[in-house]
N, C-alpha and C. Protein backbone atom coordinates (compact mmCIF):
# COMPACT_ATOMS: atom_id res chain seq x y z
N MET A 1 0.93 -1.20 0.06
CA MET A 1 0.22 -0.04 0.13
C MET A 1 0.97 1.38 -0.04
N ALA A 2 2.08 1.01 0.46
CA ALA A 2 2.74 2.50 0.98
C ALA A 2 3.35 2.58 -0.66
N GLY A 3 3.71 1.74 -1.61
CA GLY A 3 3.99 2.33 -2.95
C GLY A 3 2.78 2.78 -3.43
N GLY A 4 1.74 2.51 -3.37
CA GLY A 4 0.49 3.30 -4.09
C GLY A 4 0.60 4.96 -3.57
N ASP A 5 0.71 4.94 -2.41
CA ASP A 5 0.52 6.35 -1.91
C ASP A 5 1.72 7.21 -2.51
N THR A 6 2.93 6.39 -2.69
CA THR A 6 3.96 7.08 -3.14
C THR A 6 3.65 7.64 -4.89
N ALA A 7 3.20 6.50 -5.27
CA ALA A 7 3.17 6.92 -6.44
C ALA A 7 1.93 7.96 -6.92
N GLY A 8 0.74 7.92 -5.89
CA GLY A 8 -0.15 9.27 -5.92
C GLY A 8 0.61 10.18 -5.66
N ARG A 9 1.52 10.54 -4.75
CA ARG A 9 2.00 11.64 -4.31
C ARG A 9 2.86 12.48 -5.49
N LEU A 10 3.52 11.37 -6.33
CA LEU A 10 4.27 11.93 -7.34
C LEU A 10 3.31 12.53 -8.67
N VAL A 11 2.44 11.91 -8.89
CA VAL A 11 1.38 12.26 -9.87
C VAL A 11 0.93 13.74 -9.45
N ARG A 12 0.11 13.69 -8.31
CA ARG A 12 -0.50 14.93 -7.66
C ARG A 12 0.21 16.50 -8.04
N PRO A 13 1.45 16.55 -7.61
CA PRO A 13 2.20 17.79 -8.06
C PRO A 13 1.99 18.22 -9.65
N PHE A 14 2.36 17.32 -10.41
CA PHE A 14 2.47 17.11 -11.77
C PHE A 14 0.77 17.59 -12.36
N ALA A 15 -0.06 17.54 -11.67
CA ALA A 15 -1.58 17.53 -12.22
C ALA A 15 -1.98 18.83 -11.48
N LEU A 16 -1.36 19.08 -10.47
CA LEU A 16 -1.69 20.62 -9.81
C LEU A 16 -1.19 21.74 -10.88
N THR A 17 -0.41 21.37 -11.67
CA THR A 17 0.67 22.51 -12.44
C THR A 17 -0.18 22.35 -13.95
N GLY A 18 -0.89 21.66 -14.04
CA GLY A 18 -1.32 21.02 -15.42
C GLY A 18 -0.15 20.62 -16.33
N GLY A 19 0.84 19.99 -15.95
CA GLY A 19 1.90 19.30 -16.43
C GLY A 19 3.06 20.32 -16.61
N ARG A 20 2.96 21.70 -16.01
CA ARG A 20 4.06 22.38 -16.22
C ARG A 20 5.25 21.97 -15.19
N THR A 21 6.49 22.27 -15.64
CA THR A 21 7.78 21.97 -14.99
C THR A 21 8.61 23.25 -14.50
N ARG A 22 8.04 24.46 -15.05
CA ARG A 22 8.65 25.60 -15.03
C ARG A 22 7.70 26.74 -14.69
N PRO A 23 8.00 27.66 -13.92
CA PRO A 23 7.17 28.82 -13.82
C PRO A 23 7.18 29.93 -15.15
N SER A 24 6.06 30.53 -15.02
CA SER A 24 6.17 31.46 -16.49
C SER A 24 6.80 32.88 -15.75
N ARG A 25 7.30 32.86 -14.63
CA ARG A 25 8.05 34.11 -14.18
C ARG A 25 9.02 33.73 -13.06
N ALA A 26 9.90 34.62 -13.15
CA ALA A 26 11.05 34.32 -12.29
C ALA A 26 11.10 35.34 -11.02
N ASP A 27 9.98 35.78 -10.84
CA ASP A 27 9.99 36.62 -9.50
C ASP A 27 9.92 36.24 -8.45
N PHE A 28 9.93 34.67 -8.09
CA PHE A 28 9.74 34.19 -6.68
C PHE A 28 10.90 33.30 -6.42
N THR A 29 11.53 33.77 -5.20
CA THR A 29 12.49 33.26 -4.16
C THR A 29 11.94 32.59 -3.39
N LEU A 30 12.64 31.72 -2.37
CA LEU A 30 12.24 31.01 -1.29
C LEU A 30 11.43 31.88 -0.31
N ILE A 31 12.15 33.21 -0.11
CA ILE A 31 11.98 34.32 0.70
C ILE A 31 10.99 35.66 0.13
N THR A 32 10.49 35.38 -0.98
CA THR A 32 9.73 36.19 -1.46
C THR A 32 8.51 36.35 -0.76
N THR A 33 7.62 37.39 -0.51
CA THR A 33 6.42 37.30 0.35
C THR A 33 5.26 37.65 -0.53
N VAL A 34 4.17 36.96 -0.39
CA VAL A 34 2.91 36.81 -1.28
C VAL A 34 1.79 37.44 -0.17
N THR A 35 0.82 37.93 -0.79
CA THR A 35 -0.62 38.58 0.12
C THR A 35 -1.46 38.28 -1.10
N ALA A 36 -2.48 37.84 -0.46
CA ALA A 36 -3.82 37.81 -1.18
C ALA A 36 -4.51 39.48 -1.56
N VAL A 37 -4.86 39.35 -2.69
CA VAL A 37 -5.59 40.64 -2.79
C VAL A 37 -7.04 40.77 -2.49
N ASP A 38 -7.43 41.68 -1.51
CA ASP A 38 -8.57 42.08 -1.15
C ASP A 38 -8.87 43.23 -1.38
N PRO A 39 -10.25 43.40 -2.01
CA PRO A 39 -11.04 42.37 -2.34
C PRO A 39 -10.74 41.67 -3.41
N PRO A 40 -10.99 40.32 -3.60
CA PRO A 40 -10.26 39.30 -4.86
C PRO A 40 -11.11 39.74 -5.96
N PRO A 41 -10.35 39.69 -7.16
CA PRO A 41 -11.16 40.07 -8.63
C PRO A 41 -12.09 38.68 -8.80
N THR A 42 -13.00 39.17 -9.65
CA THR A 42 -13.77 37.77 -10.12
C THR A 42 -13.05 36.83 -11.24
N TRP A 43 -13.37 35.70 -10.70
CA TRP A 43 -12.38 34.82 -11.86
C TRP A 43 -13.51 34.33 -12.88
N ALA A 44 -13.11 34.16 -14.11
CA ALA A 44 -13.89 33.61 -15.24
C ALA A 44 -14.25 32.06 -14.82
N THR A 45 -13.26 31.18 -14.14
CA THR A 45 -13.33 29.96 -13.60
C THR A 45 -13.28 29.76 -11.98
N ARG A 46 -13.69 28.87 -11.49
CA ARG A 46 -13.60 28.75 -10.17
C ARG A 46 -12.13 28.37 -9.75
N PRO A 47 -11.17 28.84 -8.60
CA PRO A 47 -9.88 28.70 -8.37
C PRO A 47 -9.82 27.17 -7.81
N GLN A 48 -8.83 26.05 -8.09
CA GLN A 48 -8.93 25.10 -7.91
C GLN A 48 -8.52 25.20 -6.19
N PRO A 49 -8.87 23.90 -5.61
CA PRO A 49 -8.97 23.78 -4.07
C PRO A 49 -7.49 24.18 -3.50
N GLU A 50 -6.43 23.86 -4.24
CA GLU A 50 -5.10 24.15 -3.98
C GLU A 50 -4.80 25.52 -4.05
N GLN A 51 -5.53 26.07 -5.09
CA GLN A 51 -5.32 27.98 -5.04
C GLN A 51 -6.04 28.36 -4.03
N GLN A 52 -7.22 27.69 -3.58
CA GLN A 52 -8.05 28.37 -2.70
C GLN A 52 -7.22 28.27 -1.23
N ARG A 53 -6.49 27.08 -1.05
CA ARG A 53 -5.71 26.95 0.14
C ARG A 53 -4.66 27.98 0.32
N ILE A 54 -4.10 28.17 -1.05
CA ILE A 54 -2.92 29.11 -0.94
C ILE A 54 -3.40 30.46 -0.69
N LEU A 55 -4.68 30.95 -1.27
CA LEU A 55 -5.17 32.03 -0.88
C LEU A 55 -5.46 32.51 0.58
N ARG A 56 -6.14 31.30 1.06
CA ARG A 56 -6.24 31.33 2.64
C ARG A 56 -4.91 31.79 3.38
N HIS A 57 -4.09 30.89 3.27
CA HIS A 57 -2.82 31.07 3.80
C HIS A 57 -2.20 32.58 3.61
N CYS A 58 -2.48 33.17 2.57
CA CYS A 58 -1.84 34.56 2.07
C CYS A 58 -2.91 35.70 2.62
N VAL A 59 -3.70 35.53 3.31
CA VAL A 59 -4.65 36.67 4.11
C VAL A 59 -3.36 37.55 4.65
N GLU A 60 -2.08 36.99 5.28
CA GLU A 60 -1.27 37.75 5.57
C GLU A 60 0.04 37.58 4.68
N PRO A 61 1.12 38.52 4.85
CA PRO A 61 2.31 38.21 3.88
C PRO A 61 2.84 36.89 4.35
N ILE A 62 3.28 36.03 3.69
CA ILE A 62 3.69 34.91 3.91
C ILE A 62 4.85 34.48 3.00
N ALA A 63 6.19 33.86 3.30
CA ALA A 63 7.00 33.48 2.46
C ALA A 63 6.78 32.37 1.79
N VAL A 64 7.21 32.09 0.39
CA VAL A 64 7.16 31.05 -0.43
C VAL A 64 7.40 29.77 0.09
N ALA A 65 8.48 29.77 0.87
CA ALA A 65 9.02 28.42 1.32
C ALA A 65 8.06 28.19 2.51
N GLU A 66 7.78 29.02 3.12
CA GLU A 66 6.90 28.75 4.79
C GLU A 66 5.18 28.24 3.88
N LEU A 67 5.06 28.80 2.99
CA LEU A 67 3.64 28.26 2.13
C LEU A 67 4.01 26.78 1.55
N ALA A 68 5.27 26.88 1.01
CA ALA A 68 5.29 25.21 0.61
C ALA A 68 5.27 24.51 1.86
N ALA A 69 5.56 24.77 2.95
CA ALA A 69 5.82 23.67 3.98
C ALA A 69 4.85 23.64 4.68
N LEU A 70 3.83 24.78 4.87
CA LEU A 70 2.34 24.52 5.24
C LEU A 70 1.27 23.66 4.39
N LEU A 71 1.53 23.81 3.24
CA LEU A 71 0.98 23.08 2.23
C LEU A 71 1.23 21.45 1.82
N ASP A 72 2.77 21.37 2.43
CA ASP A 72 3.05 20.21 2.44
C ASP A 72 3.30 19.64 0.59
N LEU A 73 3.83 20.95 -0.15
CA LEU A 73 3.88 20.53 -1.44
C LEU A 73 5.05 21.00 -1.76
N PRO A 74 5.80 20.63 -2.71
CA PRO A 74 7.51 20.91 -3.53
C PRO A 74 7.07 22.62 -3.77
N VAL A 75 8.12 23.02 -3.55
CA VAL A 75 8.34 24.68 -3.63
C VAL A 75 8.21 24.90 -5.13
N SER A 76 8.59 24.23 -6.08
CA SER A 76 8.23 24.14 -7.76
C SER A 76 7.20 24.30 -7.89
N VAL A 77 6.20 23.72 -7.38
CA VAL A 77 4.92 23.50 -7.75
C VAL A 77 4.03 24.82 -7.17
N ILE A 78 4.61 25.11 -5.78
CA ILE A 78 3.97 26.31 -5.24
C ILE A 78 4.08 27.50 -6.17
N VAL A 79 5.42 27.57 -6.63
CA VAL A 79 5.86 28.62 -7.35
C VAL A 79 4.95 28.78 -8.90
N ILE A 80 5.06 27.60 -9.54
CA ILE A 80 4.13 27.71 -10.51
C ILE A 80 2.55 28.12 -10.20
N MET A 81 2.07 27.62 -8.95
CA MET A 81 0.73 27.92 -8.83
C MET A 81 0.56 29.35 -8.46
N LEU A 82 1.76 30.02 -8.12
CA LEU A 82 1.68 31.33 -7.36
C LEU A 82 1.72 32.11 -8.59
N CYS A 83 2.48 31.63 -9.65
CA CYS A 83 2.74 32.53 -11.00
C CYS A 83 1.14 32.68 -11.46
N ASP A 84 0.46 31.41 -11.44
CA ASP A 84 -0.94 31.78 -12.05
C ASP A 84 -2.04 32.76 -11.19
N LEU A 85 -1.63 32.61 -10.02
CA LEU A 85 -2.30 33.65 -9.10
C LEU A 85 -2.29 35.02 -9.32
N LEU A 86 -0.89 35.21 -9.45
CA LEU A 86 -0.18 36.59 -9.56
C LEU A 86 -0.66 37.05 -10.95
N GLU A 87 -0.58 36.31 -11.94
CA GLU A 87 -1.20 36.64 -13.51
C GLU A 87 -2.57 36.77 -13.53
N ALA A 88 -3.26 36.22 -12.55
CA ALA A 88 -5.00 36.60 -12.44
C ALA A 88 -5.24 37.49 -11.56
N GLY A 89 -4.17 38.21 -10.93
CA GLY A 89 -4.37 39.28 -10.07
C GLY A 89 -5.16 39.06 -8.34
N ARG A 90 -4.77 37.49 -8.20
CA ARG A 90 -5.38 37.46 -6.91
C ARG A 90 -4.24 37.77 -5.70
N ILE A 91 -2.94 37.74 -5.96
CA ILE A 91 -2.18 38.03 -5.18
C ILE A 91 -1.15 39.07 -5.52
N THR A 92 -0.36 39.84 -4.60
CA THR A 92 0.78 40.25 -4.77
C THR A 92 1.86 40.07 -4.15
N LEU A 93 3.26 40.43 -4.74
CA LEU A 93 4.32 39.94 -4.24
C LEU A 93 5.34 41.02 -3.72
N ARG A 94 6.11 40.85 -2.89
CA ARG A 94 7.34 41.43 -2.45
C ARG A 94 8.33 40.96 -2.41
N PRO A 95 9.46 41.46 -3.29
CA PRO A 95 10.81 40.71 -3.50
C PRO A 95 11.58 40.76 -2.09
N PRO A 96 12.27 40.03 -1.85
CA PRO A 96 13.33 40.13 -0.75
C PRO A 96 13.90 41.55 -0.95
N ARG A 97 14.39 42.00 0.54
CA ARG A 97 15.16 43.51 0.35
C ARG A 97 16.40 42.84 0.09
N PRO A 98 17.34 44.09 -0.75
CA PRO A 98 18.58 43.45 -1.25
C PRO A 98 19.53 43.66 -0.04
N VAL A 99 20.51 42.87 0.06
CA VAL A 99 21.23 42.79 1.15
C VAL A 99 22.49 43.98 1.05
N SER A 100 22.71 44.59 2.02
CA SER A 100 23.55 45.98 1.81
C SER A 100 25.01 45.44 1.54
N GLN A 101 25.71 45.97 0.31
CA GLN A 101 26.93 45.86 0.28
C GLN A 101 28.11 46.03 1.27
N ASN A 102 27.44 47.15 2.08
CA ASN A 102 28.50 47.55 3.29
C ASN A 102 28.01 47.17 4.54
N PRO A 103 28.24 46.30 5.24
CA PRO A 103 28.00 45.60 6.51
C PRO A 103 28.34 46.80 7.31
N ASP A 104 27.25 47.08 8.15
CA ASP A 104 27.49 47.92 9.56
C ASP A 104 28.03 47.33 10.70
N LEU A 105 29.47 47.93 10.30
CA LEU A 105 30.53 47.53 11.44
C LEU A 105 30.28 47.88 12.95
N ASP A 106 29.60 48.74 13.19
CA ASP A 106 29.13 48.93 14.71
C ASP A 106 28.32 48.07 15.04
N LEU A 107 27.21 47.60 14.35
CA LEU A 107 26.36 46.54 14.60
C LEU A 107 26.82 45.19 14.73
N LEU A 108 28.14 44.81 13.88
CA LEU A 108 28.72 43.52 13.82
C LEU A 108 29.56 43.88 15.22
N GLN A 109 30.28 44.71 15.36
CA GLN A 109 31.10 45.02 16.82
C GLN A 109 30.10 44.64 18.05
N LYS A 110 28.64 45.24 18.08
CA LYS A 110 28.19 44.82 19.33
C LYS A 110 27.55 43.55 19.30
N VAL A 111 27.22 43.02 18.35
CA VAL A 111 26.85 41.22 18.17
C VAL A 111 28.07 40.54 18.89
N ARG A 112 29.35 41.00 18.24
CA ARG A 112 30.36 40.31 18.56
C ARG A 112 30.65 40.22 20.12
N ASP A 113 30.42 41.66 20.69
CA ASP A 113 30.40 41.71 22.23
C ASP A 113 29.62 41.00 23.08
N GLY A 114 28.12 41.00 22.14
CA GLY A 114 27.43 40.43 23.09
C GLY A 114 27.20 38.99 23.13
N LEU A 115 28.11 38.33 22.04
CA LEU A 115 28.43 36.83 22.17
C LEU A 115 29.41 36.45 23.22
N GLY A 116 30.45 37.50 22.90
CA GLY A 116 31.42 37.31 23.88
C GLY A 116 31.08 37.02 25.45
N ARG A 117 30.16 38.36 25.94
CA ARG A 117 29.49 37.95 27.21
C ARG A 117 28.59 36.63 27.42
N LEU A 118 28.18 36.11 26.57
CA LEU A 118 27.76 34.93 26.82
C LEU A 118 28.77 33.60 27.43
């Protein structure tokens, strides 16, 4: 029976993405945050149950990696589904903030001193 469960799990993500293996956009990283649009626009077709689950979790901003973990789906599948939701106007995204090229040396010194006191 375990073999049947494994086979079902391998087919399911493929079915969720309509057979697509690559996202239509390159906007999403593991730490990109997504938020559901409120109020949601109307769709010509009803969203898939998995898309509805994604939207429920996106009421508050959530990272792509966290969303994949909560839904127990591969990140690649979540990203493809998020692309669909973004293109349909159902979510917004916020890319991660760029890391400063110049580290704050004062802050690093305080962290080092604090660690030294432990």
